[in-house]
Amino acid sequence: MKLGIILETKEYEKAWNAFRFAVAARKSGHEVKVFLMGEAVECEGLSNGKYNVDEQIQAFIAERGEILACGTCLKSRNLEGSEACPLSTMIDCVKMVEWADKTLTF
């Protein structure tokens, strides 16, 4: 199955769970793409003692998952895309939703 995940928060536990789900889905053989929107574009490097979001992001990448990051959201925070989270557009988000059999939001 093709799963699209839209993540809109950098709240530690929610972002951590979204990426844990994405990793589990990849390990179960599903194709998975994650689109970071709003404050979620700040998730790379995010960690606290209990919820290591960045560790789950790295695990997702290791499982060959694809991450896209809203370019407008990045620019409004004076951030740039990265190899892990490339600068993307709303058209890319639309294409991901069209591609996906199911789309989830966190």
C-alpha atoms as a PDB file:
ATOM      1  CA  MET A   1       0.000   0.000   0.000  1.00  0.00           C
ATOM      2  CA  LYS A   2       1.110   3.593  -0.620  1.00  0.00           C
ATOM      3  CA  LEU A   3       0.836   5.744   2.509  1.00  0.00           C
ATOM      4  CA  GLY A   4       1.092   9.533   2.581  1.00  0.00           C
ATOM      5  CA  ILE A   5       1.652  11.185   5.944  1.00  0.00           C
ATOM      6  CA  ILE A   6       1.196  14.900   6.525  1.00  0.00           C
ATOM      7  CA  LEU A   7       2.892  16.051   9.727  1.00  0.00           C
ATOM      8  CA  GLU A   8       1.949  19.525  10.991  1.00  0.00           C
ATOM      9  CA  THR A   9       3.540  19.624  14.452  1.00  0.00           C
ATOM     10  CA  LYS A  10       6.945  19.597  16.068  1.00  0.00           C
ATOM     11  CA  GLU A  11       5.410  18.536  19.385  1.00  0.00           C
ATOM     12  CA  TYR A  12       7.825  15.839  20.513  1.00  0.00           C
ATOM     13  CA  GLU A  13       5.506  12.911  21.205  1.00  0.00           C
ATOM     14  CA  LYS A  14       3.231  13.440  18.179  1.00  0.00           C
ATOM     15  CA  ALA A  15       6.125  13.880  15.736  1.00  0.00           C
ATOM     16  CA  TRP A  16       7.930  10.895  17.281  1.00  0.00           C
ATOM     17  CA  ASN A  17       4.815   8.717  16.893  1.00  0.00           C
ATOM     18  CA  ALA A  18       4.255   9.853  13.308  1.00  0.00           C
ATOM     19  CA  PHE A  19       7.775   8.796  12.335  1.00  0.00           C
ATOM     20  CA  ARG A  20       7.554   5.557  14.365  1.00  0.00           C
ATOM     21  CA  PHE A  21       4.412   4.747  12.361  1.00  0.00           C
ATOM     22  CA  ALA A  22       6.231   5.610   9.115  1.00  0.00           C
ATOM     23  CA  VAL A  23       9.167   3.344  10.040  1.00  0.00           C
ATOM     24  CA  ALA A  24       6.823   0.481  10.985  1.00  0.00           C
ATOM     25  CA  ALA A  25       4.941   0.894   7.703  1.00  0.00           C
ATOM     26  CA  ARG A  26       8.184   0.783   5.688  1.00  0.00           C
ATOM     27  CA  LYS A  27       9.314  -2.317   7.592  1.00  0.00           C
ATOM     28  CA  SER A  28       5.935  -3.889   6.739  1.00  0.00           C
ATOM     29  CA  GLY A  29       6.637  -3.373   3.047  1.00  0.00           C
ATOM     30  CA  HIS A  30       4.561  -0.258   2.377  1.00  0.00           C
ATOM     31  CA  GLU A  31       5.696   2.706   0.299  1.00  0.00           C
ATOM     32  CA  VAL A  32       5.653   5.797   2.525  1.00  0.00           C
ATOM     33  CA  LYS A  33       6.090   9.516   1.942  1.00  0.00           C
ATOM     34  CA  VAL A  34       6.004  12.156   4.693  1.00  0.00           C
ATOM     35  CA  PHE A  35       5.195  15.819   3.970  1.00  0.00           C
ATOM     36  CA  LEU A  36       6.284  18.265   6.679  1.00  0.00           C
ATOM     37  CA  MET A  37       4.083  21.346   6.906  1.00  0.00           C
ATOM     38  CA  GLY A  38       3.972  24.314   9.294  1.00  0.00           C
ATOM     39  CA  GLU A  39       6.113  23.909  12.384  1.00  0.00           C
ATOM     40  CA  ALA A  40       6.870  20.284  11.450  1.00  0.00           C
ATOM     41  CA  VAL A  41       9.583  21.579   9.107  1.00  0.00           C
ATOM     42  CA  GLU A  42      11.584  22.118  12.319  1.00  0.00           C
ATOM     43  CA  CYS A  43      11.593  18.388  13.218  1.00  0.00           C
ATOM     44  CA  GLU A  44      15.040  17.555  11.851  1.00  0.00           C
ATOM     45  CA  GLY A  45      17.397  17.397  14.830  1.00  0.00           C
ATOM     46  CA  LEU A  46      14.477  17.469  17.308  1.00  0.00           C
ATOM     47  CA  SER A  47      14.995  15.443  20.466  1.00  0.00           C
ATOM     48  CA  ASN A  48      14.366  15.511  24.183  1.00  0.00           C
ATOM     49  CA  GLY A  49      15.142  12.876  26.776  1.00  0.00           C
ATOM     50  CA  LYS A  50      12.045  10.793  26.123  1.00  0.00           C
ATOM     51  CA  TYR A  51      11.109  11.394  22.463  1.00  0.00           C
ATOM     52  CA  ASN A  52      13.989  11.362  19.981  1.00  0.00           C
ATOM     53  CA  VAL A  53      12.253  12.555  16.821  1.00  0.00           C
ATOM     54  CA  ASP A  54      15.506  12.879  14.881  1.00  0.00           C
ATOM     55  CA  GLU A  55      16.370   9.237  15.610  1.00  0.00           C
ATOM     56  CA  GLN A  56      13.047   8.154  14.098  1.00  0.00           C
ATOM     57  CA  ILE A  57      13.603  10.426  11.087  1.00  0.00           C
ATOM     58  CA  GLN A  58      16.989   8.798  10.521  1.00  0.00           C
ATOM     59  CA  ALA A  59      15.432   5.327  10.887  1.00  0.00           C
ATOM     60  CA  PHE A  60      12.773   6.292   8.312  1.00  0.00           C
ATOM     61  CA  ILE A  61      15.441   7.486   5.890  1.00  0.00           C
ATOM     62  CA  ALA A  62      17.420   4.274   6.490  1.00  0.00           C
ATOM     63  CA  GLU A  63      14.267   2.349   5.508  1.00  0.00           C
ATOM     64  CA  ARG A  64      14.239   4.359   2.246  1.00  0.00           C
ATOM     65  CA  GLY A  65      11.258   6.484   3.209  1.00  0.00           C
ATOM     66  CA  GLU A  66      10.777   9.811   1.453  1.00  0.00           C
ATOM     67  CA  ILE A  67      10.424  13.138   3.268  1.00  0.00           C
ATOM     68  CA  LEU A  68       9.247  16.389   1.679  1.00  0.00           C
ATOM     69  CA  ALA A  69       9.236  19.759   3.449  1.00  0.00           C
ATOM     70  CA  CYS A  70       7.018  22.736   2.612  1.00  0.00           C
ATOM     71  CA  GLY A  71       9.257  25.374   1.064  1.00  0.00           C
ATOM     72  CA  THR A  72       7.027  28.265   2.122  1.00  0.00           C
ATOM     73  CA  CYS A  73       7.027  26.988   5.723  1.00  0.00           C
ATOM     74  CA  LEU A  74      10.823  26.637   5.661  1.00  0.00           C
ATOM     75  CA  LYS A  75      11.338  30.110   4.184  1.00  0.00           C
ATOM     76  CA  SER A  76       9.007  31.734   6.734  1.00  0.00           C
ATOM     77  CA  ARG A  77      11.356  30.368   9.419  1.00  0.00           C
ATOM     78  CA  ASN A  78      14.517  31.376   7.555  1.00  0.00           C
ATOM     79  CA  LEU A  79      15.364  27.688   7.078  1.00  0.00           C
ATOM     80  CA  GLU A  80      16.526  25.822   4.003  1.00  0.00           C
ATOM     81  CA  GLY A  81      15.750  22.327   2.816  1.00  0.00           C
ATOM     82  CA  SER A  82      18.243  19.561   3.463  1.00  0.00           C
ATOM     83  CA  GLU A  83      19.106  16.238   1.889  1.00  0.00           C
ATOM     84  CA  ALA A  84      16.814  14.546   4.414  1.00  0.00           C
ATOM     85  CA  CYS A  85      14.041  17.142   4.047  1.00  0.00           C
ATOM     86  CA  PRO A  86      14.193  18.703   0.583  1.00  0.00           C
ATOM     87  CA  LEU A  87      12.384  21.936  -0.184  1.00  0.00           C
ATOM     88  CA  SER A  88       9.014  21.072  -1.723  1.00  0.00           C
ATOM     89  CA  THR A  89       5.812  22.804  -2.780  1.00  0.00           C
ATOM     90  CA  MET A  90       2.088  22.466  -2.213  1.00  0.00           C
ATOM     91  CA  ILE A  91       1.933  20.895  -5.672  1.00  0.00           C
ATOM     92  CA  ASP A  92       4.283  18.178  -4.313  1.00  0.00           C
ATOM     93  CA  CYS A  93       1.893  17.694  -1.388  1.00  0.00           C
ATOM     94  CA  VAL A  94      -1.054  17.390  -3.795  1.00  0.00           C
ATOM     95  CA  LYS A  95       0.888  14.866  -5.879  1.00  0.00           C
ATOM     96  CA  MET A  96       1.680  12.849  -2.734  1.00  0.00           C
ATOM     97  CA  VAL A  97      -2.010  12.754  -1.763  1.00  0.00           C
ATOM     98  CA  GLU A  98      -2.956  11.692  -5.306  1.00  0.00           C
ATOM     99  CA  TRP A  99      -0.218   9.012  -5.232  1.00  0.00           C
ATOM    100  CA  ALA A 100      -1.253   7.604  -1.848  1.00  0.00           C
ATOM    101  CA  ASP A 101      -3.849   4.905  -1.305  1.00  0.00           C
ATOM    102  CA  LYS A 102      -4.323   6.370   2.185  1.00  0.00           C
ATOM    103  CA  THR A 103      -3.291   9.716   3.669  1.00  0.00           C
ATOM    104  CA  LEU A 104      -2.859  10.288   7.394  1.00  0.00           C
ATOM    105  CA  THR A 105      -2.298  13.535   9.261  1.00  0.00           C
ATOM    106  CA  PHE A 106      -0.565  14.040  12.569  1.00  0.00           C
END
